Amino acid sequence: MLSRLDIDELVSEVAKEIHHYFDIDAISIVLRSDRKNKLSIYSTHYLDEHHPAHEQSEVDEAGTLSERVFKSKEMLLINLSERDTLAPYERMLFETWGNQLQTLCLLPLMSGNNMLGVLKLAQCEEKVFTTANLKLLRQIAERVAIAVDNALAYQEIHRLKERLVDENLALTEQLNNVESEFGEIIGRSEAMYSVLKQVEMVAQSDSTVLILGETGTGKELIARAIHNLSGRNARRMVKMNCAAMPAGLLESDLFGHERGAFTGASTQRIGRFELADKSSLFLDEVGDMPLELQPKLLRVLQEQEFERLGSNKLIQTDVRLIAATNRDLKKMVADREFRNDLYYRLNVFPIHLPPLRERPEDIPLLVKAFTFKIARRMGRNIDSIPAEALRTLSNMEWPGNVRELENVVERAVLLTRGNVLQLSLPDVIAMAPSTPPVATEVAQDGEDEYQLIMRVLKETNGVVAGPKGAAQRLGLKRTTLLSRMKRLGIDKDALV
């Protein structure tokens, strides 16, 4: 019996031995559940001598006989006349046996001073629980306690081992992608300063954060900053891209699955929510989550509990969710493509990440950081970047944002011979969008960018937006023109 390390197998073996020697009709081992104030009950009933019935259930601890034994740590005997005082599930035990049961005997399972559980025995004949038999049953309970202690320890070791394997797999997955990301947030613009102030403000709380921004703006970097500044930073942040996985596997990856839950599920798998317990879970591209899966995500956020696929056991988790998307969730809600209740649950603290075109003053800093990082990785020595290259890159729209800029810099580093970054401007211009805005104004002879913008603003009386505004005439978006005016120190109000 002591060699049984699986709880179900252990209960079956204990029941078989006790039934064989004492002819006891129902044997249960009661353990405290992982869920607060709940008991896990493993039972074997000998209604049919040759086909014992095994069952597992979970009940509220309050008011049960087991609760009394957990508190007193003493044996308890209950006879038929006292059954009306029992908890509902214990009265059902008598009903299962057609009211044939006469006595219940509950023995504490002790490991030193630690109360592991309760051995509960139900008998149809009162004569079984004699003084001699009770003395022997106490000794058996001591042996059962050792076996239960071993099984629980093995269960915990097995759980931690599985968790470690899954964490290592997830970490390996993240390390495979780390090369495409920069190691720190770079930016001195007002737009980025505002973002970082919000990060600092929300990081210490457990509030859900929704990071909104175009593709390539660095949403994951902001998520990592929130996690690293939080009280959960002792454990690594777990991440998942909702758009990178087929819809059929997304649920399994989020919540995990039991062996045999579906075709191909040959082993149990721990999901991201379980891995992220006491940590942060970053759900990227949450706007791509299938509509049918959204209620399950909402439930976890509300209840902090979930079930693995193929199991009805509730698992509690303490997770801080950070979500990100490049989609307009409000419009998706209006179009019934995204649940409004989930949207409100996610949108507790939204952070809008500006596109690169709205913070052009950060581009030279990013170019320098990327150049030196990539050159170091490639074993190159590049210590200079031409000012003309920085000006050209700062004036581009960058629809792919920071990610696109990094790709351009990496190409330039690859092509560079020597210690000065060689940026092929025609190649960079060719990488720009194929349908740029059409400008109706061109620079006059000797006119630089500052003079051109000043002239057009004067001619439009300081009007920036609209069909006859300066942005339209210059072939720029309103936000881009405003950013350039700020960089060049132009105040349109002073022109009027």
Protein backbone atom coordinates (compact mmCIF):
# COMPACT_ATOMS: atom_id res chain seq x y z
CA MET A 1 0.00 0.00 0.00
CA LEU A 2 2.83 2.41 0.85
CA SER A 3 4.15 2.11 -2.71
CA ARG A 4 1.00 3.62 -4.26
CA LEU A 5 1.78 7.18 -5.39
CA ASP A 6 -1.45 7.94 -7.25
CA ILE A 7 -4.28 9.06 -4.94
CA ASP A 8 -6.99 7.16 -6.86
CA GLU A 9 -4.95 3.95 -6.86
CA LEU A 10 -4.09 4.43 -3.19
CA VAL A 11 -7.75 4.82 -2.19
CA SER A 12 -8.70 1.68 -4.15
CA GLU A 13 -5.93 -0.30 -2.46
CA VAL A 14 -6.82 0.99 1.03
CA ALA A 15 -10.51 0.25 0.45
CA LYS A 16 -9.77 -3.27 -0.78
CA GLU A 17 -7.62 -4.13 2.25
CA ILE A 18 -9.98 -2.63 4.86
CA HIS A 19 -13.04 -4.22 3.25
CA HIS A 20 -11.27 -7.59 3.12
CA TYR A 21 -10.30 -7.64 6.83
CA PHE A 22 -13.24 -5.79 8.41
CA ASP A 23 -16.03 -6.21 5.83
CA ILE A 24 -16.66 -2.44 5.92
CA ASP A 25 -19.15 -1.31 3.29
CA ALA A 26 -17.94 2.16 2.24
CA ILE A 27 -14.45 3.63 2.58
CA SER A 28 -13.43 7.22 1.81
CA ILE A 29 -10.33 9.35 2.09
CA VAL A 30 -11.13 13.04 2.56
CA LEU A 31 -8.50 15.66 1.70
CA ARG A 32 -8.55 19.43 1.67
CA SER A 33 -8.99 20.72 -1.90
CA ASP A 34 -6.78 23.26 -3.67
CA ARG A 35 -9.90 25.43 -3.64
CA LYS A 36 -10.54 27.36 -0.45
CA ASN A 37 -13.04 25.83 2.02
CA LYS A 38 -13.58 22.74 -0.18
CA LEU A 39 -13.00 19.03 0.46
CA SER A 40 -11.97 16.43 -2.11
CA ILE A 41 -13.53 13.04 -1.37
CA TYR A 42 -12.30 9.75 -2.87
CA SER A 43 -14.80 6.95 -2.13
CA THR A 44 -15.28 3.24 -2.75
CA HIS A 45 -18.70 1.62 -2.15
CA TYR A 46 -19.19 -2.16 -1.90
CA LEU A 47 -22.87 -2.18 -2.91
CA ASP A 48 -21.90 -5.09 -5.17
CA GLU A 49 -19.28 -7.33 -3.59
CA HIS A 50 -17.65 -8.14 -6.93
CA HIS A 51 -17.91 -4.70 -8.56
CA PRO A 52 -17.00 -1.92 -6.11
CA ALA A 53 -18.07 1.58 -7.19
CA HIS A 54 -15.44 4.33 -7.15
CA GLU A 55 -16.30 8.02 -7.14
CA GLN A 56 -14.63 11.37 -6.59
CA SER A 57 -16.43 14.53 -5.50
CA GLU A 58 -15.82 17.99 -4.10
CA VAL A 59 -18.02 19.51 -1.38
CA ASP A 60 -18.12 22.50 0.96
CA GLU A 61 -16.18 21.81 4.16
CA ALA A 62 -18.43 23.87 6.43
CA GLY A 63 -20.70 21.79 8.69
CA THR A 64 -19.27 18.41 7.73
CA LEU A 65 -18.11 15.67 10.07
CA SER A 66 -14.71 15.89 8.40
CA GLU A 67 -14.48 19.54 9.45
CA ARG A 68 -15.00 18.46 13.06
CA VAL A 69 -12.21 15.90 12.77
CA PHE A 70 -9.87 18.39 11.07
CA LYS A 71 -10.40 20.73 14.04
CA SER A 72 -10.27 18.16 16.87
CA LYS A 73 -7.75 15.74 15.32
CA GLU A 74 -9.64 13.00 17.16
CA MET A 75 -11.60 9.93 16.04
CA LEU A 76 -15.36 10.43 15.63
CA LEU A 77 -18.16 7.81 15.76
CA ILE A 78 -21.67 8.66 14.51
CA ASN A 79 -24.64 6.28 14.63
CA LEU A 80 -27.87 6.15 12.66
CA SER A 81 -29.89 8.21 15.16
CA GLU A 82 -27.69 11.28 14.58
CA ARG A 83 -27.89 11.40 10.79
CA ASP A 84 -30.36 14.31 10.72
CA THR A 85 -27.57 16.54 12.07
CA LEU A 86 -25.27 15.70 9.16
CA ALA A 87 -24.30 17.87 6.20
CA PRO A 88 -26.38 17.25 3.02
CA TYR A 89 -23.73 15.23 1.20
CA GLU A 90 -23.27 12.98 4.28
CA ARG A 91 -27.01 12.34 4.50
CA MET A 92 -26.83 11.28 0.84
CA LEU A 93 -24.43 8.53 1.88
CA PHE A 94 -27.21 6.93 3.92
CA GLU A 95 -29.64 7.35 1.03
CA THR A 96 -27.16 5.68 -1.35
CA TRP A 97 -27.28 2.62 0.88
CA GLY A 98 -31.06 2.69 1.26
CA ASN A 99 -30.73 3.72 4.91
CA GLN A 100 -28.94 0.45 5.71
CA LEU A 101 -25.88 2.18 7.19
CA GLN A 102 -25.71 2.09 10.97
CA THR A 103 -22.43 3.76 11.87
CA LEU A 104 -19.84 6.19 10.54
CA CYS A 105 -16.29 6.15 11.85
CA LEU A 106 -13.91 9.01 11.00
CA LEU A 107 -10.20 8.67 11.78
CA PRO A 108 -7.66 11.52 11.45
CA LEU A 109 -4.74 10.97 9.08
CA MET A 110 -1.78 12.58 10.82
CA SER A 111 1.80 13.19 9.69
CA GLY A 112 3.49 14.40 12.85
CA ASN A 113 1.42 17.40 13.93
CA ASN A 114 0.17 17.96 10.39
CA MET A 115 -3.42 16.91 9.64
CA LEU A 116 -3.44 15.44 6.10
CA GLY A 117 -7.01 14.23 5.84
CA VAL A 118 -9.68 11.91 7.18
CA LEU A 119 -10.25 8.17 6.73
CA LYS A 120 -14.04 7.73 6.74
CA LEU A 121 -15.61 4.29 7.17
CA ALA A 122 -19.33 3.50 6.84
CA GLN A 123 -20.81 0.23 8.07
CA CYS A 124 -24.22 -1.46 7.93
CA GLU A 125 -23.53 -3.54 11.07
CA GLU A 126 -22.80 -1.80 14.38
CA LYS A 127 -20.77 -4.70 15.78
CA VAL A 128 -17.81 -4.00 13.48
CA PHE A 129 -16.57 -0.96 15.41
CA THR A 130 -15.61 -2.83 18.57
CA THR A 131 -12.93 -1.56 20.93
CA ALA A 132 -10.42 -4.06 19.55
CA ASN A 133 -11.23 -3.21 15.94
CA LEU A 134 -11.04 0.53 16.58
CA LYS A 135 -7.60 0.11 18.11
CA LEU A 136 -6.47 -1.79 15.02
CA LEU A 137 -8.11 0.76 12.68
CA ARG A 138 -6.19 3.56 14.41
CA GLN A 139 -2.97 1.73 13.63
CA ILE A 140 -4.07 1.23 10.03
CA ALA A 141 -4.91 4.96 9.79
CA GLU A 142 -1.30 5.73 10.78
CA ARG A 143 -0.06 3.59 7.87
CA VAL A 144 -2.60 5.15 5.50
CA ALA A 145 -1.42 8.62 6.58
CA ILE A 146 2.16 7.73 5.58
CA ALA A 147 0.92 6.53 2.19
CA VAL A 148 -1.21 9.67 1.69
CA ASP A 149 1.73 11.88 2.65
CA ASN A 150 3.91 10.10 0.08
CA ALA A 151 1.23 10.36 -2.61
CA LEU A 152 0.64 14.08 -1.97
CA ALA A 153 4.39 14.76 -2.03
CA TYR A 154 4.71 12.84 -5.31
CA GLN A 155 1.71 14.72 -6.72
CA GLU A 156 3.30 18.07 -5.83
CA ILE A 157 6.69 17.05 -7.27
CA HIS A 158 5.00 15.85 -10.46
CA ARG A 159 3.02 19.10 -10.74
CA LEU A 160 6.13 21.24 -10.22
CA LYS A 161 8.08 19.14 -12.72
CA GLU A 162 5.36 19.57 -15.36
CA ARG A 163 5.18 23.28 -14.65
CA LEU A 164 8.97 23.58 -14.97
CA VAL A 165 8.90 21.76 -18.32
CA ASP A 166 6.12 24.02 -19.62
CA GLU A 167 7.85 27.15 -18.32
CA ASN A 168 11.07 26.10 -20.05
CA LEU A 169 9.19 25.51 -23.30
CA ALA A 170 7.52 28.90 -23.07
CA LEU A 171 10.83 30.57 -22.20
CA THR A 172 12.56 28.89 -25.15
CA GLU A 173 9.77 30.13 -27.40
CA GLN A 174 10.29 33.67 -26.16
CA LEU A 175 14.08 33.47 -26.51
CA ASN A 176 13.66 32.42 -30.15
CA ASN A 177 11.92 35.71 -30.84
CA VAL A 178 13.97 38.01 -28.64
CA GLU A 179 16.39 39.00 -31.41
CA SER A 180 13.69 41.03 -33.17
CA GLU A 181 13.09 43.21 -30.11
CA PHE A 182 15.21 45.97 -28.59
CA GLY A 183 16.21 45.64 -24.99
CA GLU A 184 14.97 48.96 -23.58
CA ILE A 185 12.45 51.66 -24.36
CA ILE A 186 14.08 54.44 -26.37
CA GLY A 187 12.49 57.85 -26.70
CA ARG A 188 12.62 61.38 -25.32
CA SER A 189 9.61 62.79 -27.14
CA GLU A 190 6.64 64.15 -25.22
CA ALA A 191 4.50 61.37 -26.68
CA MET A 192 6.76 58.65 -25.24
CA TYR A 193 7.21 60.55 -21.97
CA SER A 194 3.42 60.50 -21.56
CA VAL A 195 3.33 56.75 -22.22
CA LEU A 196 6.07 56.04 -19.68
CA LYS A 197 4.31 58.13 -17.04
CA GLN A 198 1.21 55.98 -17.55
CA VAL A 199 3.32 52.82 -17.30
CA GLU A 200 4.80 54.01 -14.02
CA MET A 201 1.33 54.95 -12.75
CA VAL A 202 -0.35 51.59 -13.42
CA ALA A 203 2.54 49.15 -12.91
CA GLN A 204 2.21 48.77 -9.13
CA SER A 205 -1.49 47.96 -9.32
CA ASP A 206 -3.06 44.68 -10.48
CA SER A 207 -5.39 46.46 -12.91
CA THR A 208 -5.83 45.07 -16.41
CA VAL A 209 -3.96 47.15 -19.01
CA LEU A 210 -4.90 47.45 -22.69
CA ILE A 211 -2.05 48.65 -24.93
CA LEU A 212 -3.32 50.14 -28.19
CA GLY A 213 -1.08 50.90 -31.14
CA GLU A 214 -0.22 50.14 -34.72
CA THR A 215 1.84 47.11 -35.70
CA GLY A 216 5.51 47.52 -34.88
CA THR A 217 5.18 50.28 -32.27
CA GLY A 218 6.65 48.19 -29.44
CA LYS A 219 3.56 47.08 -27.51
CA GLU A 220 5.31 44.05 -26.02
CA LEU A 221 8.14 46.26 -24.77
CA ILE A 222 5.61 48.40 -22.90
CA ALA A 223 4.02 45.24 -21.46
CA ARG A 224 7.42 44.08 -20.20
CA ALA A 225 8.04 47.48 -18.61
CA ILE A 226 4.71 47.25 -16.76
CA HIS A 227 5.56 43.75 -15.51
CA ASN A 228 9.13 44.64 -14.51
CA LEU A 229 7.94 47.62 -12.48
CA SER A 230 5.18 45.60 -10.79
CA GLY A 231 5.20 43.55 -7.61
CA ARG A 232 5.01 40.40 -9.74
CA ASN A 233 8.44 40.77 -11.32
CA ALA A 234 9.94 37.93 -9.26
CA ARG A 235 8.31 35.59 -11.78
CA ARG A 236 8.73 35.98 -15.53
CA MET A 237 5.96 37.40 -17.67
CA VAL A 238 4.15 34.80 -19.81
CA LYS A 239 3.14 35.90 -23.30
CA MET A 240 0.90 34.63 -26.05
CA ASN A 241 0.04 35.95 -29.52
CA CYS A 242 -3.65 35.35 -30.20
CA ALA A 243 -3.17 35.89 -33.95
CA ALA A 244 -0.27 33.46 -34.33
CA MET A 245 -2.18 30.31 -33.39
CA PRO A 246 -5.04 28.43 -35.10
CA ALA A 247 -8.37 29.04 -33.39
CA GLY A 248 -8.72 25.33 -32.55
CA LEU A 249 -5.50 25.29 -30.51
CA LEU A 250 -5.89 28.68 -28.87
CA GLU A 251 -8.18 27.45 -26.08
CA SER A 252 -5.87 24.56 -25.24
CA ASP A 253 -2.85 26.87 -25.16
CA LEU A 254 -4.60 29.36 -22.88
CA PHE A 255 -6.24 26.97 -20.42
CA GLY A 256 -4.34 23.70 -20.89
CA HIS A 257 -5.81 20.24 -21.45
CA GLU A 258 -5.95 16.81 -19.89
CA ARG A 259 -4.64 13.70 -21.55
CA GLY A 260 -7.21 12.41 -24.05
CA ALA A 261 -9.18 15.68 -24.08
CA PHE A 262 -9.10 15.61 -27.89
CA THR A 263 -7.44 13.73 -30.72
CA GLY A 264 -3.68 14.10 -30.37
CA ALA A 265 -3.75 15.10 -26.68
CA SER A 266 -1.39 12.31 -25.59
CA THR A 267 -0.21 14.11 -22.44
CA GLN A 268 -1.53 16.65 -19.99
CA ARG A 269 -0.60 20.24 -20.80
CA ILE A 270 -0.51 23.26 -18.49
CA GLY A 271 -1.97 26.39 -20.11
CA ARG A 272 -0.69 29.96 -20.11
CA PHE A 273 -3.09 31.09 -17.37
CA GLU A 274 -1.73 28.39 -15.05
CA LEU A 275 1.87 29.20 -15.97
CA ALA A 276 1.25 32.88 -15.23
CA ASP A 277 -0.05 32.29 -11.70
CA LYS A 278 1.34 35.04 -9.40
CA SER A 279 2.74 36.75 -12.50
CA SER A 280 1.57 38.68 -15.59
CA LEU A 281 0.07 37.27 -18.79
CA PHE A 282 0.57 39.32 -21.96
CA LEU A 283 -2.05 38.59 -24.62
CA ASP A 284 -0.88 40.19 -27.86
CA GLU A 285 -3.35 40.80 -30.71
CA VAL A 286 -6.28 40.16 -28.37
CA GLY A 287 -8.57 41.61 -31.05
CA ASP A 288 -7.97 38.45 -33.09
CA MET A 289 -9.35 36.15 -30.40
CA PRO A 290 -12.29 34.09 -31.79
CA LEU A 291 -15.70 35.29 -30.62
CA GLU A 292 -16.59 31.86 -29.20
CA LEU A 293 -13.53 31.88 -26.92
CA GLN A 294 -14.11 35.37 -25.53
CA PRO A 295 -16.65 34.32 -22.83
CA LYS A 296 -14.07 31.94 -21.34
CA LEU A 297 -11.47 34.71 -21.18
CA LEU A 298 -14.06 36.98 -19.55
CA ARG A 299 -14.82 34.32 -16.95
CA VAL A 300 -11.16 33.99 -15.95
CA LEU A 301 -10.84 37.75 -15.59
CA GLN A 302 -13.97 37.91 -13.43
CA GLU A 303 -13.63 34.76 -11.34
CA GLN A 304 -9.86 34.10 -11.46
CA GLU A 305 -10.60 30.42 -12.12
CA PHE A 306 -10.86 28.13 -15.14
CA GLU A 307 -10.97 24.48 -16.23
CA ARG A 308 -8.54 22.61 -18.42
CA LEU A 309 -10.01 21.08 -21.56
CA GLY A 310 -11.26 17.60 -20.72
CA SER A 311 -11.63 18.35 -17.00
CA ASN A 312 -14.37 19.74 -14.79
CA LYS A 313 -11.98 20.62 -11.97
CA LEU A 314 -11.76 24.36 -11.34
CA ILE A 315 -8.23 25.76 -11.10
CA GLN A 316 -7.72 29.05 -9.32
CA THR A 317 -5.13 31.48 -10.65
CA ASP A 318 -3.80 34.86 -9.63
CA VAL A 319 -2.91 36.56 -12.92
CA ARG A 320 -2.44 40.19 -13.92
CA LEU A 321 -3.55 40.54 -17.55
CA ILE A 322 -1.86 42.90 -20.00
CA ALA A 323 -3.49 42.87 -23.45
CA ALA A 324 -2.53 44.57 -26.70
CA THR A 325 -4.06 45.07 -30.12
CA ASN A 326 -3.62 47.08 -33.30
CA ARG A 327 -7.33 46.85 -34.04
CA ASP A 328 -10.17 49.24 -33.21
CA LEU A 329 -11.95 47.23 -30.51
CA LYS A 330 -14.67 49.84 -30.09
CA LYS A 331 -15.60 49.48 -33.77
CA MET A 332 -15.39 45.70 -33.48
CA VAL A 333 -17.87 45.86 -30.58
CA ALA A 334 -20.23 47.97 -32.71
CA ASP A 335 -19.84 45.45 -35.56
CA ARG A 336 -20.49 42.54 -33.11
CA GLU A 337 -17.04 41.11 -33.77
CA PHE A 338 -15.94 41.57 -30.15
CA ARG A 339 -17.93 41.19 -26.93
CA ASN A 340 -18.72 44.49 -25.26
CA ASP A 341 -18.47 43.02 -21.72
CA LEU A 342 -14.97 41.71 -22.47
CA TYR A 343 -14.02 45.05 -24.02
CA TYR A 344 -15.01 46.91 -20.85
CA ARG A 345 -13.15 44.38 -18.72
CA LEU A 346 -9.97 44.84 -20.81
CA ASN A 347 -10.27 48.60 -21.17
CA VAL A 348 -9.69 49.38 -17.47
CA PHE A 349 -6.47 51.30 -18.16
CA PRO A 350 -5.82 51.88 -21.87
CA ILE A 351 -2.39 53.09 -23.02
CA HIS A 352 -2.19 54.51 -26.54
CA LEU A 353 1.24 53.92 -28.07
CA PRO A 354 2.02 56.60 -30.71
CA PRO A 355 3.18 55.56 -34.19
CA LEU A 356 6.73 56.48 -35.12
CA ARG A 357 5.60 59.24 -37.50
CA GLU A 358 4.16 61.12 -34.52
CA ARG A 359 7.47 61.11 -32.66
CA PRO A 360 10.10 61.78 -35.36
CA GLU A 361 12.44 63.34 -32.79
CA ASP A 362 12.99 59.81 -31.40
CA ILE A 363 14.13 58.40 -34.76
CA PRO A 364 17.82 59.47 -34.49
CA LEU A 365 18.03 57.87 -31.03
CA LEU A 366 16.48 54.65 -32.32
CA VAL A 367 18.76 54.55 -35.38
CA LYS A 368 21.86 54.92 -33.21
CA ALA A 369 20.70 52.29 -30.73
CA PHE A 370 19.81 49.79 -33.47
CA THR A 371 23.05 50.43 -35.35
CA PHE A 372 25.32 49.77 -32.39
CA LYS A 373 23.28 46.79 -31.15
CA ILE A 374 23.14 45.08 -34.56
CA ALA A 375 26.78 45.88 -35.36
CA ARG A 376 27.89 44.40 -32.04
CA ARG A 377 25.82 41.27 -32.72
CA MET A 378 27.44 40.91 -36.16
CA GLY A 379 30.94 41.59 -34.88
CA ARG A 380 31.15 44.90 -36.80
CA ASN A 381 32.66 48.17 -35.58
CA ILE A 382 30.41 51.07 -36.66
CA ASP A 383 30.90 54.27 -34.68
CA SER A 384 29.49 56.96 -36.96
CA ILE A 385 26.18 57.71 -38.69
CA PRO A 386 25.97 60.49 -41.33
CA ALA A 387 23.71 63.41 -40.36
CA GLU A 388 22.08 63.32 -43.81
CA ALA A 389 21.00 59.71 -43.20
CA LEU A 390 19.43 60.66 -39.85
CA ARG A 391 17.54 63.57 -41.46
CA THR A 392 16.22 61.36 -44.25
CA LEU A 393 15.06 58.64 -41.87
CA SER A 394 13.44 61.22 -39.57
CA ASN A 395 11.36 62.62 -42.44
CA MET A 396 9.88 59.27 -43.50
CA GLU A 397 6.38 58.10 -42.56
CA TRP A 398 7.35 54.58 -41.36
CA PRO A 399 4.03 52.72 -41.75
CA GLY A 400 5.71 49.67 -40.17
CA ASN A 401 6.89 51.85 -37.28
CA VAL A 402 9.86 50.86 -35.09
CA ARG A 403 10.03 47.35 -36.50
CA GLU A 404 10.35 48.66 -40.07
CA LEU A 405 13.03 51.15 -38.99
CA GLU A 406 15.03 48.38 -37.33
CA ASN A 407 14.86 46.28 -40.51
CA VAL A 408 16.19 49.21 -42.58
CA VAL A 409 19.05 49.75 -40.12
CA GLU A 410 19.90 46.03 -40.11
CA ARG A 411 20.11 46.04 -43.91
CA ALA A 412 22.36 49.11 -43.77
CA VAL A 413 24.68 47.47 -41.24
CA LEU A 414 24.94 44.38 -43.45
CA LEU A 415 25.93 46.51 -46.45
CA THR A 416 28.35 48.75 -44.55
CA ARG A 417 32.07 48.39 -45.19
CA GLY A 418 34.07 50.41 -42.72
CA ASN A 419 33.10 52.19 -39.53
CA VAL A 420 30.59 54.70 -41.00
CA LEU A 421 27.02 53.48 -41.52
CA GLN A 422 26.34 53.31 -45.25
CA LEU A 423 22.66 54.00 -45.82
CA SER A 424 21.49 53.72 -49.43
CA LEU A 425 18.92 56.52 -49.61
CA PRO A 426 17.38 55.34 -52.94
CA ASP A 427 16.82 51.91 -51.36
CA VAL A 428 15.20 53.49 -48.30
CA ILE A 429 12.93 55.67 -50.43
CA ALA A 430 11.98 52.61 -52.51
CA MET A 431 10.83 50.90 -49.31
CA ALA A 432 8.37 53.72 -48.59
CA PRO A 433 4.61 53.22 -49.28
CA SER A 434 3.85 52.96 -53.00
CA THR A 435 1.01 55.51 -52.81
CA PRO A 436 2.32 58.48 -50.80
CA PRO A 437 0.18 61.59 -50.32
CA VAL A 438 0.31 63.92 -53.29
CA ALA A 439 1.94 67.25 -52.46
CA THR A 440 0.87 70.40 -54.31
CA GLU A 441 3.74 72.45 -52.87
CA VAL A 442 7.42 71.92 -53.67
CA ALA A 443 10.46 73.61 -52.20
CA GLN A 444 11.71 76.62 -54.12
CA ASP A 445 15.38 77.08 -54.97
CA GLY A 446 17.48 77.18 -51.82
CA GLU A 447 14.45 76.64 -49.58
CA ASP A 448 14.93 74.13 -46.75
CA GLU A 449 12.23 72.25 -44.82
CA TYR A 450 11.79 74.99 -42.20
CA GLN A 451 11.38 77.73 -44.80
CA LEU A 452 8.97 75.61 -46.90
CA ILE A 453 6.67 74.89 -43.95
CA MET A 454 6.79 78.51 -42.79
CA ARG A 455 5.86 79.79 -46.26
CA VAL A 456 2.94 77.38 -46.69
CA LEU A 457 1.61 78.14 -43.19
CA LYS A 458 1.66 81.87 -43.92
CA GLU A 459 -0.17 81.30 -47.20
CA THR A 460 -2.86 79.24 -45.42
CA ASN A 461 -3.13 81.71 -42.51
CA GLY A 462 -1.94 79.06 -40.07
CA VAL A 463 -4.56 76.49 -41.09
CA VAL A 464 -3.03 73.00 -40.83
CA ALA A 465 -5.91 70.57 -41.52
CA GLY A 466 -8.66 70.47 -44.12
CA PRO A 467 -8.70 70.39 -47.94
CA LYS A 468 -6.97 73.78 -48.18
CA GLY A 469 -4.73 73.39 -45.14
CA ALA A 470 -0.95 73.30 -45.03
CA ALA A 471 -0.79 69.52 -44.44
CA GLN A 472 -2.78 68.83 -47.64
CA ARG A 473 -0.60 71.19 -49.71
CA LEU A 474 2.58 69.62 -48.37
CA GLY A 475 1.29 66.07 -48.94
CA LEU A 476 1.54 65.22 -45.25
CA LYS A 477 -0.84 63.89 -42.63
CA ARG A 478 -1.94 66.51 -40.10
CA THR A 479 -0.21 64.67 -37.23
CA THR A 480 3.02 64.37 -39.23
CA LEU A 481 3.09 68.09 -40.03
CA LEU A 482 2.40 69.01 -36.41
CA SER A 483 5.26 66.76 -35.28
CA ARG A 484 7.66 68.37 -37.77
CA MET A 485 6.55 71.86 -36.74
CA LYS A 486 7.25 70.97 -33.14
CA ARG A 487 10.68 69.59 -34.03
CA LEU A 488 11.54 72.72 -36.02
CA GLY A 489 10.20 75.09 -33.36
CA ILE A 490 7.38 76.50 -35.51
CA ASP A 491 4.38 78.03 -33.72
CA LYS A 492 1.49 78.41 -36.17
CA ASP A 493 -0.42 80.73 -33.83
CA ALA A 494 2.42 83.25 -34.02
CA LEU A 495 1.96 83.44 -37.80
CA VAL A 496 -1.65 84.63 -37.72
